[in-house]
Every structure is written in structure tokens, then in C-alpha cells.
Amino acid sequence: MANTAQAKKRARQSEKRRQSNAGQRSLLRTRIKNVIKAIESGDKSSAEAAYRLAMPVIDKMAGTKIIHGNKAARHKSRLHARIKNM
């Protein structure tokens, strides 16, 4: 356990940041799953709509360093390729 005031404050800040990041990561996963479900259903227009909703979330997660930039690019590329091949 933290002994100094500075360490206690850092522990509080870290916990708050961890919970915020977990919520953002959950939203990212949900948006990606929604695109995959739309692709698997076979409806190209709904897949494109879900992809348009997912793109800003993926970009924001990369911008805030919650996920690596290359991972964001990989997700976007693979989802777009799957939609294109429908």
C-alpha cells in the first residue's frame, strides 16, 4: 500500500485512468463486433453503416494510445477488406 501522499494520489489517478481506459476498450470491442455481425448477416449497407460508426472509435483509441496505431490500422484494413469482398 502507498505510504506517502504522492504515492496515494498516484494510486487514485491510476485507478481512475484504468477504469476509463477499460470502458473505452470495451466500446472499441463492441463496435468491432457489430461490424463483424453485420458482415456475417450478409447485409452490405448495414455493414458499411456499422463500419462508419466504428472508424472514429478505432482512430480515437489509437490517438489516445489505448491501442497501438498499427493495431488500429490493422482492424480498419481487415474490416474494410471484408466489407469490400461481400
N, C-alpha and C. Protein backbone atom coordinates (compact mmCIF):
# COMPACT_ATOMS: atom_id res chain seq x y z
N MET A 1 0.84 -1.19 0.00
CA MET A 1 0.00 0.00 0.00
C MET A 1 0.88 1.24 0.00
N ALA A 2 0.37 2.31 -0.58
CA ALA A 2 1.13 3.56 -0.69
C ALA A 2 1.28 4.20 0.68
N ASN A 3 2.47 4.70 0.94
CA ASN A 3 2.75 5.32 2.23
C ASN A 3 2.76 6.83 2.17
N THR A 4 3.24 7.41 1.11
CA THR A 4 3.32 8.87 1.02
C THR A 4 2.08 9.43 0.34
N ALA A 5 1.88 10.72 0.55
CA ALA A 5 0.74 11.40 -0.06
C ALA A 5 0.83 11.33 -1.58
N GLN A 6 2.03 11.49 -2.10
CA GLN A 6 2.23 11.44 -3.55
C GLN A 6 1.87 10.06 -4.11
N ALA A 7 2.29 9.02 -3.40
CA ALA A 7 2.00 7.66 -3.86
C ALA A 7 0.52 7.36 -3.78
N LYS A 8 -0.15 7.87 -2.75
CA LYS A 8 -1.60 7.66 -2.62
C LYS A 8 -2.34 8.35 -3.76
N LYS A 9 -1.91 9.56 -4.09
CA LYS A 9 -2.55 10.29 -5.19
C LYS A 9 -2.32 9.56 -6.51
N ARG A 10 -1.10 9.08 -6.75
CA ARG A 10 -0.82 8.36 -8.00
C ARG A 10 -1.66 7.09 -8.09
N ALA A 11 -1.88 6.42 -6.95
CA ALA A 11 -2.71 5.22 -6.94
C ALA A 11 -4.15 5.57 -7.32
N ARG A 12 -4.66 6.68 -6.79
CA ARG A 12 -6.01 7.12 -7.13
C ARG A 12 -6.11 7.46 -8.61
N GLN A 13 -5.13 8.19 -9.11
CA GLN A 13 -5.15 8.58 -10.52
C GLN A 13 -5.05 7.37 -11.43
N SER A 14 -4.20 6.43 -11.06
CA SER A 14 -4.02 5.24 -11.88
C SER A 14 -5.31 4.42 -11.95
N GLU A 15 -6.00 4.29 -10.84
CA GLU A 15 -7.25 3.53 -10.82
C GLU A 15 -8.32 4.20 -11.67
N LYS A 16 -8.42 5.52 -11.57
CA LYS A 16 -9.39 6.26 -12.37
C LYS A 16 -9.09 6.10 -13.85
N ARG A 17 -7.81 6.20 -14.22
CA ARG A 17 -7.39 6.06 -15.61
C ARG A 17 -7.63 4.64 -16.11
N ARG A 18 -7.37 3.64 -15.26
CA ARG A 18 -7.58 2.25 -15.64
C ARG A 18 -9.05 1.98 -15.95
N GLN A 19 -9.94 2.50 -15.10
CA GLN A 19 -11.36 2.29 -15.34
C GLN A 19 -11.84 3.00 -16.61
N SER A 20 -11.34 4.19 -16.84
CA SER A 20 -11.70 4.92 -18.05
C SER A 20 -11.23 4.18 -19.29
N ASN A 21 -9.98 3.73 -19.27
CA ASN A 21 -9.43 3.00 -20.41
C ASN A 21 -10.18 1.70 -20.65
N ALA A 22 -10.59 1.02 -19.58
CA ALA A 22 -11.32 -0.23 -19.73
C ALA A 22 -12.66 0.01 -20.41
N GLY A 23 -13.33 1.09 -20.06
CA GLY A 23 -14.60 1.43 -20.69
C GLY A 23 -14.42 1.76 -22.16
N GLN A 24 -13.38 2.50 -22.48
CA GLN A 24 -13.12 2.84 -23.87
C GLN A 24 -12.76 1.60 -24.69
N ARG A 25 -11.96 0.71 -24.11
CA ARG A 25 -11.58 -0.53 -24.79
C ARG A 25 -12.80 -1.40 -25.04
N SER A 26 -13.73 -1.42 -24.09
CA SER A 26 -14.95 -2.19 -24.23
C SER A 26 -15.80 -1.64 -25.38
N LEU A 27 -15.89 -0.32 -25.48
CA LEU A 27 -16.63 0.30 -26.57
C LEU A 27 -16.00 -0.07 -27.91
N LEU A 28 -14.69 -0.05 -27.98
CA LEU A 28 -13.97 -0.43 -29.20
C LEU A 28 -14.32 -1.84 -29.62
N ARG A 29 -14.25 -2.77 -28.68
CA ARG A 29 -14.54 -4.17 -28.99
C ARG A 29 -15.99 -4.35 -29.44
N THR A 30 -16.90 -3.63 -28.81
CA THR A 30 -18.32 -3.71 -29.17
C THR A 30 -18.55 -3.23 -30.59
N ARG A 31 -17.92 -2.10 -30.94
CA ARG A 31 -18.11 -1.56 -32.29
C ARG A 31 -17.54 -2.52 -33.35
N ILE A 32 -16.39 -3.13 -33.05
CA ILE A 32 -15.80 -4.08 -33.99
C ILE A 32 -16.70 -5.30 -34.14
N LYS A 33 -17.24 -5.79 -33.03
CA LYS A 33 -18.15 -6.94 -33.08
C LYS A 33 -19.41 -6.62 -33.88
N ASN A 34 -19.91 -5.39 -33.76
CA ASN A 34 -21.09 -5.00 -34.51
C ASN A 34 -20.83 -5.04 -36.02
N VAL A 35 -19.64 -4.62 -36.42
CA VAL A 35 -19.29 -4.68 -37.84
C VAL A 35 -19.21 -6.13 -38.30
N ILE A 36 -18.57 -6.98 -37.50
CA ILE A 36 -18.43 -8.39 -37.87
C ILE A 36 -19.80 -9.07 -37.97
N LYS A 37 -20.70 -8.77 -37.04
CA LYS A 37 -22.05 -9.34 -37.10
C LYS A 37 -22.77 -8.90 -38.37
N ALA A 38 -22.63 -7.63 -38.72
CA ALA A 38 -23.29 -7.13 -39.92
C ALA A 38 -22.71 -7.79 -41.17
N ILE A 39 -21.41 -8.03 -41.18
CA ILE A 39 -20.78 -8.71 -42.32
C ILE A 39 -21.31 -10.14 -42.43
N GLU A 40 -21.37 -10.82 -41.29
CA GLU A 40 -21.82 -12.21 -41.30
C GLU A 40 -23.30 -12.35 -41.66
N SER A 41 -24.09 -11.30 -41.39
CA SER A 41 -25.50 -11.35 -41.76
C SER A 41 -25.68 -11.21 -43.27
N GLY A 42 -24.67 -10.66 -43.94
CA GLY A 42 -24.74 -10.55 -45.39
C GLY A 42 -25.30 -9.26 -45.91
N ASP A 43 -25.64 -8.32 -45.02
CA ASP A 43 -26.22 -7.04 -45.43
C ASP A 43 -25.10 -6.01 -45.57
N LYS A 44 -24.75 -5.68 -46.81
CA LYS A 44 -23.61 -4.80 -47.06
C LYS A 44 -23.87 -3.38 -46.55
N SER A 45 -25.09 -2.87 -46.70
CA SER A 45 -25.36 -1.50 -46.28
C SER A 45 -25.28 -1.35 -44.76
N SER A 46 -25.77 -2.34 -44.01
CA SER A 46 -25.66 -2.26 -42.55
C SER A 46 -24.22 -2.46 -42.11
N ALA A 47 -23.46 -3.26 -42.85
CA ALA A 47 -22.04 -3.44 -42.52
C ALA A 47 -21.27 -2.14 -42.73
N GLU A 48 -21.58 -1.45 -43.82
CA GLU A 48 -20.92 -0.17 -44.07
C GLU A 48 -21.30 0.87 -43.02
N ALA A 49 -22.57 0.86 -42.60
CA ALA A 49 -23.01 1.80 -41.57
C ALA A 49 -22.30 1.50 -40.24
N ALA A 50 -22.19 0.23 -39.89
CA ALA A 50 -21.50 -0.15 -38.66
C ALA A 50 -20.02 0.21 -38.74
N TYR A 51 -19.44 0.05 -39.91
CA TYR A 51 -18.02 0.40 -40.11
C TYR A 51 -17.81 1.90 -39.94
N ARG A 52 -18.74 2.70 -40.47
CA ARG A 52 -18.64 4.15 -40.31
C ARG A 52 -18.73 4.57 -38.84
N LEU A 53 -19.50 3.82 -38.03
CA LEU A 53 -19.57 4.12 -36.60
C LEU A 53 -18.31 3.66 -35.87
N ALA A 54 -17.69 2.60 -36.35
CA ALA A 54 -16.52 2.03 -35.67
C ALA A 54 -15.25 2.81 -35.97
N MET A 55 -15.13 3.36 -37.17
CA MET A 55 -13.89 4.03 -37.57
C MET A 55 -13.45 5.14 -36.62
N PRO A 56 -14.32 6.09 -36.24
CA PRO A 56 -13.85 7.15 -35.34
C PRO A 56 -13.44 6.61 -33.97
N VAL A 57 -14.10 5.57 -33.51
CA VAL A 57 -13.75 4.98 -32.22
C VAL A 57 -12.36 4.35 -32.30
N ILE A 58 -12.11 3.63 -33.37
CA ILE A 58 -10.79 3.00 -33.56
C ILE A 58 -9.71 4.07 -33.62
N ASP A 59 -9.96 5.13 -34.38
CA ASP A 59 -8.98 6.21 -34.50
C ASP A 59 -8.73 6.90 -33.17
N LYS A 60 -9.79 7.11 -32.40
CA LYS A 60 -9.64 7.78 -31.10
C LYS A 60 -8.82 6.93 -30.14
N MET A 61 -9.05 5.62 -30.14
CA MET A 61 -8.30 4.74 -29.26
C MET A 61 -6.81 4.75 -29.61
N ALA A 62 -6.51 4.82 -30.90
CA ALA A 62 -5.11 4.90 -31.32
C ALA A 62 -4.52 6.26 -30.95
N GLY A 63 -5.31 7.31 -31.10
CA GLY A 63 -4.83 8.66 -30.80
C GLY A 63 -4.53 8.87 -29.33
N THR A 64 -5.29 8.21 -28.46
CA THR A 64 -5.08 8.34 -27.02
C THR A 64 -4.18 7.24 -26.47
N LYS A 65 -3.57 6.46 -27.36
CA LYS A 65 -2.59 5.42 -27.01
C LYS A 65 -3.20 4.28 -26.18
N ILE A 66 -4.51 4.08 -26.27
CA ILE A 66 -5.13 2.94 -25.60
C ILE A 66 -4.81 1.67 -26.37
N ILE A 67 -4.77 1.79 -27.70
CA ILE A 67 -4.26 0.70 -28.54
C ILE A 67 -3.17 1.27 -29.43
N HIS A 68 -2.32 0.42 -29.94
CA HIS A 68 -1.24 0.86 -30.81
C HIS A 68 -1.80 1.29 -32.16
N GLY A 69 -1.14 2.23 -32.78
CA GLY A 69 -1.59 2.74 -34.07
C GLY A 69 -1.64 1.67 -35.14
N ASN A 70 -0.67 0.76 -35.12
CA ASN A 70 -0.66 -0.30 -36.12
C ASN A 70 -1.84 -1.26 -35.91
N LYS A 71 -2.22 -1.49 -34.66
CA LYS A 71 -3.36 -2.35 -34.39
C LYS A 71 -4.64 -1.71 -34.92
N ALA A 72 -4.76 -0.41 -34.75
CA ALA A 72 -5.93 0.30 -35.27
C ALA A 72 -5.98 0.20 -36.79
N ALA A 73 -4.84 0.40 -37.43
CA ALA A 73 -4.79 0.32 -38.89
C ALA A 73 -5.12 -1.09 -39.36
N ARG A 74 -4.66 -2.09 -38.63
CA ARG A 74 -4.92 -3.48 -39.00
C ARG A 74 -6.42 -3.78 -38.91
N HIS A 75 -7.06 -3.34 -37.82
CA HIS A 75 -8.51 -3.55 -37.67
C HIS A 75 -9.27 -2.89 -38.81
N LYS A 76 -8.95 -1.63 -39.08
CA LYS A 76 -9.66 -0.90 -40.13
C LYS A 76 -9.47 -1.57 -41.49
N SER A 77 -8.24 -1.97 -41.78
CA SER A 77 -7.94 -2.58 -43.07
C SER A 77 -8.68 -3.90 -43.25
N ARG A 78 -8.64 -4.73 -42.23
CA ARG A 78 -9.27 -6.06 -42.34
C ARG A 78 -10.79 -5.95 -42.43
N LEU A 79 -11.38 -5.06 -41.63
CA LEU A 79 -12.83 -4.90 -41.69
C LEU A 79 -13.25 -4.35 -43.06
N HIS A 80 -12.51 -3.37 -43.54
CA HIS A 80 -12.85 -2.77 -44.84
C HIS A 80 -12.72 -3.82 -45.96
N ALA A 81 -11.68 -4.64 -45.89
CA ALA A 81 -11.49 -5.66 -46.92
C ALA A 81 -12.63 -6.67 -46.90
N ARG A 82 -13.09 -7.04 -45.70
CA ARG A 82 -14.20 -7.98 -45.61
C ARG A 82 -15.48 -7.40 -46.17
N ILE A 83 -15.71 -6.11 -45.92
CA ILE A 83 -16.91 -5.45 -46.45
C ILE A 83 -16.81 -5.36 -47.97
N LYS A 84 -15.63 -5.01 -48.46
CA LYS A 84 -15.43 -4.87 -49.90
C LYS A 84 -15.65 -6.18 -50.64
N ASN A 85 -15.30 -7.30 -50.02
CA ASN A 85 -15.44 -8.61 -50.65
C ASN A 85 -16.82 -9.23 -50.52
N MET A 86 -17.75 -8.52 -49.92
CA MET A 86 -19.11 -9.07 -49.75
C MET A 86 -19.81 -9.20 -51.10
